Amino acid sequence: MSGKAPLAIAFGCAGTSLTPGERALFREADPLGFILFRRNVDSPDQVRRLVAEMRDSVGRDAPVLIDQEGGRVARLRPPHWPALPAARACGVVAERDPIRGTRASWLHGRLLAHMLADLGIDVDCAPVADVPVPGAHDVIGDRAFAGEPGLVATLARAQAEGLMAGGVLPVMKHIPGHGRAHVDSHKELPVVHADRIDLERQDFAPFRDLADLPLGMVAHVVYTEVDPHRPASTSNTVISEVVRGWIGFRGLLFSDDIGMQALSGTAGQRAAAVLAGGCDVALHCGGDFAEMQDVAANGRALTPESLARWQAAKALVRAPEPADAQELRAELDAILAGGVA
């Protein structure tokens, strides 16, 4: 990495290859990294070319992220990539047999990593460590492993370790907890009125157990007992007192997508707000060129602390451990089959 710190932004792009305008913008803005969505994916060779284009545009080995959880949140899909179940499938097994369920979650992560590393993608926005409650919006739903915080932490850690064994960095989400939200933050701002004790016992607890993981993603959720006015992603109070304080997370913090309707203002204002709130990196995922220009103009370079967090995370990346994907999948399928009621 050059002496100048990159922009504290990860950008998406509009299509399956970079336009000349995108390439020029990325070269000039020098974002920390990039994120892929379904619109960016066609075939394995195409994805490999796009990943290479993204890195070439900034002249370094920039991180490339994707949301590949399994289940309904999967940017890579058949016929080119195998379908994996949602995290909840591992939780069903673990509630009956914790050892087998934990193994299933590790296998799940290792198979995700096998899929991504083959394409040059080195960061997966998983595991989901949220704890859903009855009556909450199903935006989390089966993306969560279970409803018990300790089990969620165990299975999320296993999935994270499986990802890292395959050479892919995990991003735990949505810190400090999205499971109690009654609306979808993609569409509106969730407001959680639970008291601090309940939040610490349930919502925040898995993240505290996972505080040593290298990367996290902050939720666009208001917790009125901590900060009644701002979502966690823009709240210095939530990030300093809860995320960095009570939870003790010391890794790199991404915001959730600043294009989500939970936030207000222009794209540039949203980026500035999450960075001012304490996120290390803003995620702008939509690929809208004018918005990316606005974000680049209103962003800032990674702070020395943020840069050190990223470098510490990147130092954890290692070459994938040898594995036979077919054997791993067969083992996972056998465990999950035994866990179905």
Protein backbone atom coordinates (compact mmCIF):
# COMPACT_ATOMS: atom_id res chain seq x y z
CA MET A 1 0.00 0.00 0.00
CA SER A 2 1.22 3.48 -0.87
CA GLY A 3 1.95 6.13 1.71
CA LYS A 4 -1.46 7.75 1.12
CA ALA A 5 -4.35 6.02 2.90
CA PRO A 6 -7.24 4.97 0.65
CA LEU A 7 -10.69 6.54 0.81
CA ALA A 8 -12.80 5.14 3.65
CA ILE A 9 -15.37 3.78 1.18
CA ALA A 10 -16.17 0.47 -0.47
CA PHE A 11 -18.01 0.98 -3.77
CA GLY A 12 -20.25 -1.17 -5.90
CA CYS A 13 -20.50 -0.81 -9.67
CA ALA A 14 -23.37 -0.79 -12.13
CA GLY A 15 -22.85 -3.90 -14.23
CA THR A 16 -20.76 -6.93 -15.08
CA SER A 17 -17.70 -4.89 -16.07
CA LEU A 18 -16.40 -1.45 -15.22
CA THR A 19 -17.36 1.45 -17.45
CA PRO A 20 -14.64 3.90 -18.43
CA GLY A 21 -16.23 6.44 -16.08
CA GLU A 22 -16.19 4.02 -13.15
CA ARG A 23 -12.61 3.08 -13.81
CA ALA A 24 -11.57 6.75 -13.85
CA LEU A 25 -13.57 7.53 -10.70
CA PHE A 26 -12.06 4.62 -8.81
CA ARG A 27 -8.55 5.53 -9.95
CA GLU A 28 -9.00 9.10 -8.73
CA ALA A 29 -10.94 8.38 -5.51
CA ASP A 30 -8.91 5.30 -4.48
CA PRO A 31 -11.59 3.57 -2.37
CA LEU A 32 -10.46 0.98 0.16
CA GLY A 33 -12.36 -1.71 -1.71
CA PHE A 34 -15.42 -2.88 -3.59
CA ILE A 35 -18.58 -4.93 -3.14
CA LEU A 36 -20.40 -7.17 -5.61
CA PHE A 37 -24.14 -7.69 -5.99
CA ARG A 38 -26.36 -9.90 -8.11
CA ARG A 39 -26.34 -7.39 -10.97
CA ASN A 40 -22.56 -7.76 -11.18
CA VAL A 41 -22.60 -11.53 -11.58
CA ASP A 42 -23.00 -13.60 -14.73
CA SER A 43 -20.40 -16.38 -14.95
CA PRO A 44 -17.26 -17.42 -13.09
CA ASP A 45 -14.88 -16.08 -15.72
CA GLN A 46 -16.79 -12.79 -15.89
CA VAL A 47 -16.64 -12.36 -12.10
CA ARG A 48 -12.91 -13.07 -12.09
CA ARG A 49 -12.42 -10.42 -14.79
CA LEU A 50 -14.50 -7.86 -12.89
CA VAL A 51 -12.63 -8.50 -9.64
CA ALA A 52 -9.34 -8.04 -11.50
CA GLU A 53 -10.64 -4.85 -13.14
CA MET A 54 -11.62 -3.43 -9.77
CA ARG A 55 -8.21 -4.07 -8.28
CA ASP A 56 -6.45 -2.80 -11.37
CA SER A 57 -8.44 0.46 -11.20
CA VAL A 58 -6.80 1.32 -7.85
CA GLY A 59 -3.48 -0.36 -8.54
CA ARG A 60 -3.41 -2.60 -5.48
CA ASP A 61 -4.84 -5.76 -3.97
CA ALA A 62 -8.02 -4.07 -2.73
CA PRO A 63 -10.58 -6.12 -0.79
CA VAL A 64 -13.61 -7.29 -2.75
CA LEU A 65 -16.68 -8.02 -0.62
CA ILE A 66 -19.89 -9.91 -1.30
CA ASP A 67 -22.99 -10.91 0.67
CA GLN A 68 -22.93 -14.68 0.30
CA GLU A 69 -24.68 -16.10 3.36
CA GLY A 70 -26.54 -19.00 1.81
CA GLY A 71 -30.31 -19.24 1.63
CA ARG A 72 -32.05 -16.15 0.28
CA VAL A 73 -28.98 -13.91 0.65
CA ALA A 74 -26.75 -15.25 -2.09
CA ARG A 75 -25.38 -13.16 -4.93
CA LEU A 76 -23.80 -16.24 -6.54
CA ARG A 77 -26.48 -18.73 -7.54
CA PRO A 78 -27.03 -21.86 -9.64
CA PRO A 79 -26.33 -22.93 -12.29
CA HIS A 80 -22.77 -21.63 -11.98
CA TRP A 81 -22.55 -21.82 -8.19
CA PRO A 82 -24.07 -24.32 -5.76
CA ALA A 83 -26.87 -23.29 -3.43
CA LEU A 84 -26.18 -23.51 0.28
CA PRO A 85 -28.88 -23.39 2.95
CA ALA A 86 -29.55 -20.46 5.25
CA ALA A 87 -27.73 -20.31 8.58
CA ARG A 88 -30.84 -21.44 10.41
CA ALA A 89 -30.38 -24.95 9.00
CA CYS A 90 -27.19 -25.30 11.07
CA GLY A 91 -29.00 -23.94 14.11
CA VAL A 92 -31.73 -26.57 13.85
CA VAL A 93 -29.08 -29.29 14.10
CA ALA A 94 -27.19 -27.51 16.87
CA GLU A 95 -30.28 -27.25 19.07
CA ARG A 96 -30.35 -31.05 19.14
CA ASP A 97 -26.67 -31.82 18.86
CA PRO A 98 -24.32 -28.87 19.49
CA ILE A 99 -21.23 -30.69 18.28
CA ARG A 100 -22.73 -31.71 14.94
CA GLY A 101 -24.39 -28.33 14.51
CA THR A 102 -21.12 -26.52 15.12
CA ARG A 103 -19.39 -28.76 12.61
CA ALA A 104 -22.15 -28.02 10.10
CA SER A 105 -21.62 -24.29 10.54
CA TRP A 106 -17.87 -24.63 10.01
CA LEU A 107 -18.46 -26.69 6.86
CA HIS A 108 -20.95 -24.09 5.66
CA GLY A 109 -18.34 -21.35 6.05
CA ARG A 110 -15.63 -23.43 4.44
CA LEU A 111 -17.82 -24.13 1.41
CA LEU A 112 -18.69 -20.45 1.08
CA ALA A 113 -14.99 -19.63 1.13
CA HIS A 114 -14.25 -22.26 -1.52
CA MET A 115 -16.81 -20.61 -3.79
CA LEU A 116 -15.49 -17.09 -3.23
CA ALA A 117 -11.75 -17.69 -3.23
CA ASP A 118 -12.03 -19.33 -6.65
CA LEU A 119 -13.25 -15.96 -7.96
CA GLY A 120 -10.72 -13.79 -6.15
CA ILE A 121 -13.32 -12.50 -3.66
CA ASP A 122 -11.63 -12.23 -0.28
CA VAL A 123 -14.28 -10.83 2.12
CA ASP A 124 -17.71 -12.31 2.86
CA CYS A 125 -20.37 -10.29 4.70
CA ALA A 126 -21.19 -13.16 7.05
CA PRO A 127 -21.81 -14.52 9.66
CA VAL A 128 -25.11 -13.02 10.80
CA ALA A 129 -24.89 -12.86 14.60
CA ASP A 130 -28.30 -11.28 15.15
CA VAL A 131 -30.74 -12.87 17.58
CA PRO A 132 -34.34 -12.65 16.31
CA VAL A 133 -37.24 -12.25 18.71
CA PRO A 134 -40.87 -13.29 18.16
CA GLY A 135 -42.77 -10.66 16.19
CA ALA A 136 -39.68 -9.09 14.63
CA HIS A 137 -39.55 -8.38 10.91
CA ASP A 138 -38.39 -11.35 8.87
CA VAL A 139 -35.60 -9.35 7.21
CA ILE A 140 -33.34 -11.42 9.49
CA GLY A 141 -35.48 -14.54 9.96
CA ASP A 142 -33.70 -17.70 8.82
CA ARG A 143 -30.51 -15.75 8.19
CA ALA A 144 -29.99 -16.06 11.96
CA PHE A 145 -28.61 -19.28 13.40
CA ALA A 146 -30.88 -19.47 16.44
CA GLY A 147 -32.79 -17.55 19.09
CA GLU A 148 -30.38 -18.16 21.97
CA PRO A 149 -27.43 -15.74 22.15
CA GLY A 150 -24.81 -18.25 23.28
CA LEU A 151 -25.67 -20.70 20.51
CA VAL A 152 -25.68 -17.90 17.94
CA ALA A 153 -22.17 -16.90 19.01
CA THR A 154 -20.89 -20.48 18.85
CA LEU A 155 -22.27 -21.11 15.37
CA ALA A 156 -21.28 -17.69 14.04
CA ARG A 157 -17.72 -18.28 15.23
CA ALA A 158 -17.64 -21.70 13.57
CA GLN A 159 -18.81 -20.21 10.27
CA ALA A 160 -16.24 -17.39 10.56
CA GLU A 161 -13.48 -19.93 11.21
CA GLY A 162 -14.60 -21.95 8.19
CA LEU A 163 -14.41 -18.85 6.03
CA MET A 164 -10.93 -17.99 7.29
CA ALA A 165 -9.74 -21.57 6.76
CA GLY A 166 -10.68 -21.02 3.12
CA GLY A 167 -8.77 -17.76 2.82
CA VAL A 168 -11.77 -15.41 3.13
CA LEU A 169 -12.28 -12.77 5.82
CA PRO A 170 -15.67 -12.77 7.59
CA VAL A 171 -17.69 -9.64 8.39
CA MET A 172 -19.98 -10.28 11.36
CA LYS A 173 -23.26 -8.43 11.16
CA HIS A 174 -25.31 -6.47 12.11
CA ILE A 175 -23.51 -5.17 15.20
CA PRO A 176 -24.83 -4.43 17.85
CA GLY A 177 -27.95 -6.38 16.78
CA HIS A 178 -30.75 -6.28 14.18
CA GLY A 179 -32.88 -9.16 15.44
CA ARG A 180 -35.36 -7.05 17.41
CA ALA A 181 -36.20 -4.66 14.54
CA HIS A 182 -39.86 -4.57 13.51
CA VAL A 183 -39.23 -3.04 10.09
CA ASP A 184 -36.78 -3.70 7.26
CA SER A 185 -33.93 -1.18 7.37
CA HIS A 186 -33.65 -1.45 3.58
CA LYS A 187 -37.00 0.39 3.46
CA GLU A 188 -37.32 2.41 6.69
CA LEU A 189 -35.53 3.14 9.95
CA PRO A 190 -36.08 0.52 12.68
CA VAL A 191 -36.49 1.89 16.21
CA VAL A 192 -35.90 -0.49 19.13
CA HIS A 193 -37.27 0.50 22.54
CA ALA A 194 -35.95 -2.43 24.58
CA ASP A 195 -34.18 -1.57 27.82
CA ARG A 196 -30.41 -1.74 28.09
CA ILE A 197 -30.38 -4.88 30.25
CA ASP A 198 -32.42 -6.84 27.69
CA LEU A 199 -30.27 -5.56 24.86
CA GLU A 200 -27.09 -6.62 26.62
CA ARG A 201 -28.45 -10.05 27.53
CA GLN A 202 -29.73 -10.86 24.06
CA ASP A 203 -28.99 -8.53 21.18
CA PHE A 204 -25.49 -7.38 22.09
CA ALA A 205 -24.31 -10.60 23.74
CA PRO A 206 -23.23 -12.64 20.67
CA PHE A 207 -21.16 -9.73 19.39
CA ARG A 208 -19.39 -9.47 22.73
CA ASP A 209 -18.50 -13.17 22.47
CA LEU A 210 -17.23 -12.53 18.93
CA ALA A 211 -15.43 -9.27 19.66
CA ASP A 212 -12.08 -10.68 18.52
CA LEU A 213 -13.26 -11.17 14.92
CA PRO A 214 -11.51 -8.83 12.48
CA LEU A 215 -14.42 -7.16 10.67
CA GLY A 216 -17.92 -6.04 11.59
CA MET A 217 -20.88 -4.31 9.96
CA VAL A 218 -22.95 -1.75 11.89
CA ALA A 219 -26.74 -1.81 11.79
CA HIS A 220 -28.98 1.07 10.71
CA VAL A 221 -31.10 0.65 13.86
CA VAL A 222 -32.03 3.15 16.57
CA TYR A 223 -31.70 1.86 20.15
CA THR A 224 -33.61 4.45 22.15
CA GLU A 225 -32.05 3.41 25.47
CA VAL A 226 -28.60 4.31 24.10
CA ASP A 227 -29.23 7.06 21.53
CA PRO A 228 -32.87 7.96 20.84
CA HIS A 229 -32.04 10.18 17.88
CA ARG A 230 -29.59 8.36 15.61
CA PRO A 231 -29.18 4.85 14.21
CA ALA A 232 -26.16 2.91 15.43
CA SER A 233 -24.35 3.45 12.14
CA THR A 234 -24.27 7.24 12.60
CA SER A 235 -24.22 7.33 16.41
CA ASN A 236 -20.93 8.04 18.07
CA THR A 237 -22.67 7.16 21.34
CA VAL A 238 -23.66 3.66 20.22
CA ILE A 239 -20.33 2.97 18.54
CA SER A 240 -18.17 4.30 21.37
CA GLU A 241 -20.22 3.14 24.37
CA VAL A 242 -21.64 -0.13 23.04
CA VAL A 243 -19.65 -1.40 20.05
CA ARG A 244 -16.18 -0.30 21.15
CA GLY A 245 -17.13 -0.17 24.85
CA TRP A 246 -19.46 -2.85 26.25
CA ILE A 247 -18.99 -5.25 23.33
CA GLY A 248 -15.26 -4.53 23.13
CA PHE A 249 -14.94 -4.86 19.37
CA ARG A 250 -11.56 -3.62 18.14
CA GLY A 251 -11.74 -4.63 14.48
CA LEU A 252 -12.65 -2.67 11.36
CA LEU A 253 -16.24 -1.42 11.21
CA PHE A 254 -18.13 -1.16 7.93
CA SER A 255 -21.44 0.65 7.84
CA ASP A 256 -24.36 -1.22 6.38
CA ASP A 257 -25.19 0.01 2.86
CA ILE A 258 -25.67 3.77 3.00
CA GLY A 259 -28.17 3.46 0.14
CA MET A 260 -30.71 1.83 2.45
CA GLN A 261 -33.77 3.94 3.22
CA ALA A 262 -33.15 3.79 6.97
CA LEU A 263 -30.81 6.75 6.41
CA SER A 264 -31.68 10.22 5.16
CA GLY A 265 -29.81 12.87 3.17
CA THR A 266 -27.78 12.69 0.00
CA ALA A 267 -25.35 9.85 -0.60
CA GLY A 268 -22.47 12.11 0.30
CA GLN A 269 -24.17 13.26 3.49
CA ARG A 270 -24.87 9.67 4.48
CA ALA A 271 -21.27 8.67 3.92
CA ALA A 272 -20.05 11.60 5.98
CA ALA A 273 -22.54 10.74 8.75
CA VAL A 274 -21.49 7.12 9.19
CA LEU A 275 -17.82 8.04 9.18
CA ALA A 276 -18.42 10.85 11.70
CA GLY A 277 -20.38 8.39 13.84
CA GLY A 278 -17.41 6.08 14.18
CA CYS A 279 -17.59 3.61 11.30
CA ASP A 280 -14.21 3.01 9.70
CA VAL A 281 -15.56 2.46 6.19
CA ALA A 282 -18.83 3.43 4.48
CA LEU A 283 -20.42 0.92 2.13
CA HIS A 284 -22.02 2.39 -0.99
CA CYS A 285 -23.47 -0.56 -2.83
CA GLY A 286 -25.95 0.70 -5.42
CA GLY A 287 -23.57 1.45 -8.28
CA ASP A 288 -25.22 4.80 -9.09
CA PHE A 289 -22.46 6.85 -10.71
CA ALA A 290 -23.65 10.31 -9.63
CA GLU A 291 -24.02 9.08 -6.07
CA MET A 292 -20.53 7.60 -6.13
CA GLN A 293 -19.16 10.94 -7.29
CA ASP A 294 -20.97 12.61 -4.38
CA VAL A 295 -19.65 10.05 -1.90
CA ALA A 296 -16.10 10.41 -3.20
CA ALA A 297 -16.32 14.19 -2.85
CA ASN A 298 -17.63 13.99 0.71
CA GLY A 299 -15.60 11.06 1.98
CA ARG A 300 -12.26 11.05 3.71
CA ALA A 301 -9.20 8.86 3.83
CA LEU A 302 -8.97 6.05 6.33
CA THR A 303 -7.76 7.37 9.66
CA PRO A 304 -4.50 5.92 11.00
CA GLU A 305 -6.54 3.86 13.47
CA SER A 306 -8.82 2.53 10.73
CA LEU A 307 -5.87 1.76 8.48
CA ALA A 308 -4.20 -0.18 11.29
CA ARG A 309 -7.43 -2.15 11.84
CA TRP A 310 -7.60 -3.02 8.14
CA GLN A 311 -3.95 -4.05 8.04
CA ALA A 312 -4.46 -6.25 11.11
CA ALA A 313 -7.44 -7.92 9.46
CA LYS A 314 -5.63 -8.44 6.17
CA ALA A 315 -2.69 -10.03 8.02
CA LEU A 316 -5.06 -12.83 9.07
CA VAL A 317 -5.70 -13.90 5.47
CA ARG A 318 -3.88 -17.09 4.61
CA ALA A 319 -3.82 -19.49 1.72
CA PRO A 320 -6.83 -21.83 1.80
CA GLU A 321 -6.25 -25.06 3.65
CA PRO A 322 -6.46 -28.10 1.34
CA ALA A 323 -10.03 -29.33 1.01
CA ASP A 324 -12.20 -31.44 -1.26
CA ALA A 325 -15.37 -29.42 -1.79
CA GLN A 326 -17.41 -32.45 -2.80
CA GLU A 327 -16.46 -34.28 0.37
CA LEU A 328 -17.21 -31.23 2.51
CA ARG A 329 -20.61 -30.79 0.86
CA ALA A 330 -21.47 -34.44 1.31
CA GLU A 331 -20.61 -34.20 5.01
CA LEU A 332 -22.67 -31.03 5.42
CA ASP A 333 -25.66 -32.54 3.63
CA ALA A 334 -25.48 -35.66 5.80
CA ILE A 335 -25.42 -33.62 9.01
CA LEU A 336 -28.29 -31.39 7.92
CA ALA A 337 -30.37 -34.34 6.79
CA GLY A 338 -30.03 -35.81 10.25
CA GLY A 339 -31.10 -32.54 11.82
CA VAL A 340 -34.42 -32.16 10.02
CA ALA A 341 -37.52 -32.81 12.11
